PDB file of N, CA and C in Angstrom:
ATOM      1  N   UNK A   1     -91.112  33.758 -11.276  1.00  0.00           N
ATOM      2  CA  UNK A   1     -92.502  33.692 -11.690  1.00  0.00           C
ATOM      3  C   UNK A   1     -92.558  33.722 -13.221  1.00  0.00           C
ATOM      4  N   UNK A   2     -93.306  32.809 -13.779  1.00  0.00           N
ATOM      5  CA  UNK A   2     -93.502  32.803 -15.228  1.00  0.00           C
ATOM      6  C   UNK A   2     -94.667  33.710 -15.588  1.00  0.00           C
ATOM      7  N   UNK A   3     -94.469  34.509 -16.596  1.00  0.00           N
ATOM      8  CA  UNK A   3     -95.545  35.374 -17.086  1.00  0.00           C
ATOM      9  C   UNK A   3     -96.357  34.574 -18.094  1.00  0.00           C
ATOM     10  N   UNK A   4     -97.689  34.583 -17.908  1.00  0.00           N
ATOM     11  CA  UNK A   4     -98.556  33.856 -18.831  1.00  0.00           C
ATOM     12  C   UNK A   4     -99.884  34.588 -18.985  1.00  0.00           C
ATOM     13  N   UNK A   5    -100.788  33.981 -19.729  1.00  0.00           N
ATOM     14  CA  UNK A   5    -102.098  34.591 -20.000  1.00  0.00           C
ATOM     15  C   UNK A   5    -102.926  34.795 -18.730  1.00  0.00           C
ATOM     16  N   UNK A   6    -102.678  33.971 -17.723  1.00  0.00           N
ATOM     17  CA  UNK A   6    -103.475  34.033 -16.500  1.00  0.00           C
ATOM     18  C   UNK A   6    -103.032  35.126 -15.533  1.00  0.00           C
ATOM     19  N   UNK A   7    -101.781  35.598 -15.676  1.00  0.00           N
ATOM     20  CA  UNK A   7    -101.306  36.586 -14.712  1.00  0.00           C
ATOM     21  C   UNK A   7    -100.787  37.885 -15.325  1.00  0.00           C
ATOM     22  N   UNK A   8    -100.784  38.009 -16.642  1.00  0.00           N
ATOM     23  CA  UNK A   8    -100.201  39.188 -17.299  1.00  0.00           C
ATOM     24  C   UNK A   8    -100.889  40.486 -16.872  1.00  0.00           C
ATOM     25  N   UNK A   9    -102.204  40.494 -16.770  1.00  0.00           N
ATOM     26  CA  UNK A   9    -102.912  41.729 -16.404  1.00  0.00           C
ATOM     27  C   UNK A   9    -102.654  42.100 -14.947  1.00  0.00           C
ATOM     28  N   UNK A  10    -102.587  41.113 -14.071  1.00  0.00           N
ATOM     29  CA  UNK A  10    -102.291  41.377 -12.670  1.00  0.00           C
ATOM     30  C   UNK A  10    -100.886  41.976 -12.536  1.00  0.00           C
ATOM     31  N   UNK A  11     -99.936  41.429 -13.262  1.00  0.00           N
ATOM     32  CA  UNK A  11     -98.564  41.945 -13.237  1.00  0.00           C
ATOM     33  C   UNK A  11     -98.519  43.359 -13.801  1.00  0.00           C
ATOM     34  N   UNK A  12     -99.208  43.564 -14.909  1.00  0.00           N
ATOM     35  CA  UNK A  12     -99.244  44.890 -15.531  1.00  0.00           C
ATOM     36  C   UNK A  12     -99.818  45.931 -14.560  1.00  0.00           C
ATOM     37  N   UNK A  13    -100.940  45.609 -13.945  1.00  0.00           N
ATOM     38  CA  UNK A  13    -101.591  46.546 -13.036  1.00  0.00           C
ATOM     39  C   UNK A  13    -100.776  46.808 -11.769  1.00  0.00           C
ATOM     40  N   UNK A  14    -100.088  45.801 -11.283  1.00  0.00           N
ATOM     41  CA  UNK A  14     -99.309  45.947 -10.051  1.00  0.00           C
ATOM     42  C   UNK A  14     -98.010  46.719 -10.292  1.00  0.00           C
ATOM     43  N   UNK A  15     -97.338  46.426 -11.425  1.00  0.00           N
ATOM     44  CA  UNK A  15     -96.019  47.021 -11.685  1.00  0.00           C
ATOM     45  C   UNK A  15     -96.086  48.294 -12.516  1.00  0.00           C
ATOM     46  N   UNK A  16     -97.212  48.489 -13.216  1.00  0.00           N
ATOM     47  CA  UNK A  16     -97.361  49.593 -14.182  1.00  0.00           C
ATOM     48  C   UNK A  16     -96.345  49.506 -15.314  1.00  0.00           C
ATOM     49  N   UNK A  17     -95.809  48.320 -15.531  1.00  0.00           N
ATOM     50  CA  UNK A  17     -94.848  48.098 -16.620  1.00  0.00           C
ATOM     51  C   UNK A  17     -95.569  48.149 -17.961  1.00  0.00           C
ATOM     52  N   UNK A  18     -94.838  48.519 -19.002  1.00  0.00           N
ATOM     53  CA  UNK A  18     -95.431  48.522 -20.344  1.00  0.00           C
ATOM     54  C   UNK A  18     -94.666  47.622 -21.309  1.00  0.00           C
ATOM     55  N   UNK A  19     -93.680  46.902 -20.801  1.00  0.00           N
ATOM     56  CA  UNK A  19     -92.952  45.916 -21.590  1.00  0.00           C
ATOM     57  C   UNK A  19     -92.829  44.637 -20.773  1.00  0.00           C
ATOM     58  N   UNK A  20     -92.977  43.499 -21.444  1.00  0.00           N
ATOM     59  CA  UNK A  20     -92.905  42.209 -20.769  1.00  0.00           C
ATOM     60  C   UNK A  20     -92.082  41.253 -21.617  1.00  0.00           C
ATOM     61  N   UNK A  21     -91.306  40.423 -20.965  1.00  0.00           N
ATOM     62  CA  UNK A  21     -90.485  39.437 -21.655  1.00  0.00           C
ATOM     63  C   UNK A  21     -90.908  38.055 -21.182  1.00  0.00           C
ATOM     64  N   UNK A  22     -91.273  37.213 -22.109  1.00  0.00           N
ATOM     65  CA  UNK A  22     -91.723  35.870 -21.768  1.00  0.00           C
ATOM     66  C   UNK A  22     -91.427  34.923 -22.918  1.00  0.00           C
ATOM     67  N   UNK A  23     -91.424  33.643 -22.610  1.00  0.00           N
ATOM     68  CA  UNK A  23     -91.135  32.651 -23.649  1.00  0.00           C
ATOM     69  C   UNK A  23     -92.397  32.091 -24.277  1.00  0.00           C
ATOM     70  N   UNK A  24     -93.505  32.050 -23.527  1.00  0.00           N
ATOM     71  CA  UNK A  24     -94.789  31.537 -24.031  1.00  0.00           C
ATOM     72  C   UNK A  24     -94.617  30.178 -24.709  1.00  0.00           C
ATOM     73  N   UNK A  25     -93.987  29.284 -23.998  1.00  0.00           N
ATOM     74  CA  UNK A  25     -93.651  27.993 -24.592  1.00  0.00           C
ATOM     75  C   UNK A  25     -94.756  26.961 -24.472  1.00  0.00           C
ATOM     76  N   UNK A  26     -94.734  26.071 -25.438  1.00  0.00           N
ATOM     77  CA  UNK A  26     -95.569  24.872 -25.390  1.00  0.00           C
ATOM     78  C   UNK A  26     -94.655  23.687 -25.680  1.00  0.00           C
ATOM     79  N   UNK A  27     -95.072  22.529 -25.238  1.00  0.00           N
ATOM     80  CA  UNK A  27     -94.290  21.316 -25.457  1.00  0.00           C
ATOM     81  C   UNK A  27     -94.785  20.615 -26.710  1.00  0.00           C
ATOM     82  N   UNK A  28     -93.869  20.262 -27.585  1.00  0.00           N
ATOM     83  CA  UNK A  28     -94.207  19.546 -28.816  1.00  0.00           C
ATOM     84  C   UNK A  28     -93.577  18.165 -28.747  1.00  0.00           C
ATOM     85  N   UNK A  29     -94.407  17.148 -28.858  1.00  0.00           N
ATOM     86  CA  UNK A  29     -93.906  15.775 -28.829  1.00  0.00           C
ATOM     87  C   UNK A  29     -93.022  15.484 -30.027  1.00  0.00           C
ATOM     88  N   UNK A  30     -92.051  14.643 -29.795  1.00  0.00           N
ATOM     89  CA  UNK A  30     -91.132  14.231 -30.843  1.00  0.00           C
ATOM     90  C   UNK A  30     -91.858  13.410 -31.914  1.00  0.00           C
ATOM     91  N   UNK A  31     -91.337  13.462 -33.117  1.00  0.00           N
ATOM     92  CA  UNK A  31     -91.883  12.636 -34.200  1.00  0.00           C
ATOM     93  C   UNK A  31     -91.100  11.330 -34.342  1.00  0.00           C
ATOM     94  N   UNK A  32     -90.253  11.041 -33.347  1.00  0.00           N
ATOM     95  CA  UNK A  32     -89.484   9.796 -33.382  1.00  0.00           C
ATOM     96  C   UNK A  32     -90.435   8.608 -33.416  1.00  0.00           C
ATOM     97  N   UNK A  33     -90.034   7.574 -34.115  1.00  0.00           N
ATOM     98  CA  UNK A  33     -90.867   6.381 -34.212  1.00  0.00           C
ATOM     99  C   UNK A  33     -90.461   5.312 -33.205  1.00  0.00           C
ATOM    100  N   UNK A  34     -89.245   5.368 -32.730  1.00  0.00           N
ATOM    101  CA  UNK A  34     -88.766   4.370 -31.768  1.00  0.00           C
ATOM    102  C   UNK A  34     -88.321   5.084 -30.497  1.00  0.00           C
ATOM    103  N   UNK A  35     -88.793   4.623 -29.370  1.00  0.00           N
ATOM    104  CA  UNK A  35     -88.407   5.180 -28.079  1.00  0.00           C
ATOM    105  C   UNK A  35     -87.829   4.061 -27.223  1.00  0.00           C
ATOM    106  N   UNK A  36     -86.620   4.246 -26.733  1.00  0.00           N
ATOM    107  CA  UNK A  36     -86.039   3.310 -25.783  1.00  0.00           C
ATOM    108  C   UNK A  36     -86.174   3.940 -24.405  1.00  0.00           C
ATOM    109  N   UNK A  37     -87.185   3.546 -23.661  1.00  0.00           N
ATOM    110  CA  UNK A  37     -87.455   4.129 -22.356  1.00  0.00           C
ATOM    111  C   UNK A  37     -86.475   3.648 -21.282  1.00  0.00           C
ATOM    112  N   UNK A  38     -85.611   2.695 -21.632  1.00  0.00           N
ATOM    113  CA  UNK A  38     -84.585   2.223 -20.703  1.00  0.00           C
ATOM    114  C   UNK A  38     -83.298   3.036 -20.821  1.00  0.00           C
ATOM    115  N   UNK A  39     -83.237   3.951 -21.764  1.00  0.00           N
ATOM    116  CA  UNK A  39     -82.052   4.763 -22.008  1.00  0.00           C
ATOM    117  C   UNK A  39     -82.390   6.227 -21.763  1.00  0.00           C
ATOM    118  N   UNK A  40     -81.610   6.861 -20.905  1.00  0.00           N
ATOM    119  CA  UNK A  40     -81.816   8.277 -20.614  1.00  0.00           C
ATOM    120  C   UNK A  40     -80.826   9.097 -21.443  1.00  0.00           C
ATOM    121  N   UNK A  41     -81.330  10.010 -22.256  1.00  0.00           N
ATOM    122  CA  UNK A  41     -80.467  10.824 -23.115  1.00  0.00           C
ATOM    123  C   UNK A  41     -80.120  12.165 -22.486  1.00  0.00           C
ATOM    124  N   UNK A  42     -80.760  12.521 -21.385  1.00  0.00           N
ATOM    125  CA  UNK A  42     -80.552  13.826 -20.765  1.00  0.00           C
ATOM    126  C   UNK A  42     -79.966  13.663 -19.371  1.00  0.00           C
ATOM    127  N   UNK A  43     -79.454  14.756 -18.821  1.00  0.00           N
ATOM    128  CA  UNK A  43     -78.909  14.745 -17.468  1.00  0.00           C
ATOM    129  C   UNK A  43     -80.003  14.517 -16.429  1.00  0.00           C
ATOM    130  N   UNK A  44     -81.189  15.064 -16.698  1.00  0.00           N
ATOM    131  CA  UNK A  44     -82.298  14.975 -15.761  1.00  0.00           C
ATOM    132  C   UNK A  44     -83.337  14.000 -16.310  1.00  0.00           C
ATOM    133  N   UNK A  45     -83.396  12.817 -15.756  1.00  0.00           N
ATOM    134  CA  UNK A  45     -84.305  11.799 -16.285  1.00  0.00           C
ATOM    135  C   UNK A  45     -85.773  12.150 -16.059  1.00  0.00           C
ATOM    136  N   UNK A  46     -86.065  13.123 -15.162  1.00  0.00           N
ATOM    137  CA  UNK A  46     -87.453  13.528 -14.932  1.00  0.00           C
ATOM    138  C   UNK A  46     -87.965  14.400 -16.082  1.00  0.00           C
ATOM    139  N   UNK A  47     -87.061  15.007 -16.811  1.00  0.00           N
ATOM    140  CA  UNK A  47     -87.439  15.868 -17.929  1.00  0.00           C
ATOM    141  C   UNK A  47     -87.887  14.996 -19.106  1.00  0.00           C
ATOM    142  N   UNK A  48     -88.951  15.397 -19.787  1.00  0.00           N
ATOM    143  CA  UNK A  48     -89.397  14.654 -20.954  1.00  0.00           C
ATOM    144  C   UNK A  48     -88.431  14.939 -22.093  1.00  0.00           C
ATOM    145  N   UNK A  49     -87.662  13.945 -22.476  1.00  0.00           N
ATOM    146  CA  UNK A  49     -86.647  14.142 -23.507  1.00  0.00           C
ATOM    147  C   UNK A  49     -87.142  13.757 -24.900  1.00  0.00           C
ATOM    148  N   UNK A  50     -88.396  13.411 -25.003  1.00  0.00           N
ATOM    149  CA  UNK A  50     -88.944  13.022 -26.300  1.00  0.00           C
ATOM    150  C   UNK A  50     -89.790  14.145 -26.883  1.00  0.00           C
ATOM    151  N   UNK A  51     -89.253  15.327 -26.862  1.00  0.00           N
ATOM    152  CA  UNK A  51     -89.947  16.474 -27.422  1.00  0.00           C
ATOM    153  C   UNK A  51     -89.148  17.746 -27.196  1.00  0.00           C
ATOM    154  N   UNK A  52     -89.707  18.852 -27.637  1.00  0.00           N
ATOM    155  CA  UNK A  52     -89.035  20.143 -27.485  1.00  0.00           C
ATOM    156  C   UNK A  52     -90.040  21.188 -27.002  1.00  0.00           C
ATOM    157  N   UNK A  53     -89.505  22.253 -26.424  1.00  0.00           N
ATOM    158  CA  UNK A  53     -90.321  23.401 -26.067  1.00  0.00           C
ATOM    159  C   UNK A  53     -90.160  24.439 -27.167  1.00  0.00           C
ATOM    160  N   UNK A  54     -91.271  25.039 -27.559  1.00  0.00           N
ATOM    161  CA  UNK A  54     -91.256  26.012 -28.651  1.00  0.00           C
ATOM    162  C   UNK A  54     -92.227  27.135 -28.325  1.00  0.00           C
ATOM    163  N   UNK A  55     -91.883  28.353 -28.724  1.00  0.00           N
ATOM    164  CA  UNK A  55     -92.771  29.483 -28.506  1.00  0.00           C
ATOM    165  C   UNK A  55     -94.080  29.262 -29.247  1.00  0.00           C
ATOM    166  N   UNK A  56     -95.184  29.498 -28.556  1.00  0.00           N
ATOM    167  CA  UNK A  56     -96.518  29.312 -29.119  1.00  0.00           C
ATOM    168  C   UNK A  56     -97.069  30.670 -29.562  1.00  0.00           C
ATOM    169  N   UNK A  57     -97.212  30.853 -30.851  1.00  0.00           N
ATOM    170  CA  UNK A  57     -97.707  32.119 -31.409  1.00  0.00           C
ATOM    171  C   UNK A  57     -99.093  32.479 -30.892  1.00  0.00           C
ATOM    172  N   UNK A  58     -99.924  31.484 -30.632  1.00  0.00           N
ATOM    173  CA  UNK A  58    -101.276  31.750 -30.124  1.00  0.00           C
ATOM    174  C   UNK A  58    -101.222  32.397 -28.746  1.00  0.00           C
ATOM    175  N   UNK A  59    -100.320  31.916 -27.902  1.00  0.00           N
ATOM    176  CA  UNK A  59    -100.175  32.500 -26.571  1.00  0.00           C
ATOM    177  C   UNK A  59     -99.723  33.956 -26.680  1.00  0.00           C
ATOM    178  N   UNK A  60     -98.764  34.209 -27.547  1.00  0.00           N
ATOM    179  CA  UNK A  60     -98.271  35.580 -27.748  1.00  0.00           C
ATOM    180  C   UNK A  60     -99.400  36.481 -28.222  1.00  0.00           C
ATOM    181  N   UNK A  61    -100.169  36.025 -29.214  1.00  0.00           N
ATOM    182  CA  UNK A  61    -101.294  36.831 -29.726  1.00  0.00           C
ATOM    183  C   UNK A  61    -102.328  37.093 -28.635  1.00  0.00           C
ATOM    184  N   UNK A  62    -102.638  36.072 -27.833  1.00  0.00           N
ATOM    185  CA  UNK A  62    -103.614  36.244 -26.749  1.00  0.00           C
ATOM    186  C   UNK A  62    -103.135  37.270 -25.727  1.00  0.00           C
ATOM    187  N   UNK A  63    -101.861  37.226 -25.392  1.00  0.00           N
ATOM    188  CA  UNK A  63    -101.320  38.177 -24.418  1.00  0.00           C
ATOM    189  C   UNK A  63    -101.335  39.591 -24.988  1.00  0.00           C
ATOM    190  N   UNK A  64    -100.979  39.749 -26.228  1.00  0.00           N
ATOM    191  CA  UNK A  64    -101.020  41.071 -26.866  1.00  0.00           C
ATOM    192  C   UNK A  64    -102.451  41.611 -26.854  1.00  0.00           C
ATOM    193  N   UNK A  65    -103.414  40.755 -27.168  1.00  0.00           N
ATOM    194  CA  UNK A  65    -104.827  41.158 -27.149  1.00  0.00           C
ATOM    195  C   UNK A  65    -105.237  41.579 -25.745  1.00  0.00           C
ATOM    196  N   UNK A  66    -104.863  40.825 -24.732  1.00  0.00           N
ATOM    197  CA  UNK A  66    -105.184  41.171 -23.352  1.00  0.00           C
ATOM    198  C   UNK A  66    -104.601  42.517 -22.956  1.00  0.00           C
ATOM    199  N   UNK A  67    -103.385  42.778 -23.373  1.00  0.00           N
ATOM    200  CA  UNK A  67    -102.713  44.027 -23.000  1.00  0.00           C
ATOM    201  C   UNK A  67    -103.293  45.240 -23.725  1.00  0.00           C
ATOM    202  N   UNK A  68    -103.887  45.022 -24.895  1.00  0.00           N
ATOM    203  CA  UNK A  68    -104.461  46.132 -25.649  1.00  0.00           C
ATOM    204  C   UNK A  68    -105.848  46.524 -25.147  1.00  0.00           C
ATOM    205  N   UNK A  69    -106.497  45.654 -24.387  1.00  0.00           N
ATOM    206  CA  UNK A  69    -107.851  45.928 -23.892  1.00  0.00           C
ATOM    207  C   UNK A  69    -107.852  47.002 -22.837  1.00  0.00           C
TER     208      UNK A  69
END
């Protein structure tokens, strides 16, 4: 189960935990100018290989705010 803004309070209340570990990732599109859609660069062709996942500071701040309420 991924921990996110929609379920953090439910998890907190159910587990009574006071520490949580999550990635809070968002997908960032690549700045590449040329895409060869006929060439797969990754092992899993279903995965979007023209971008990266990065921790989103806004998600982290929102979760911290939710937990402090």
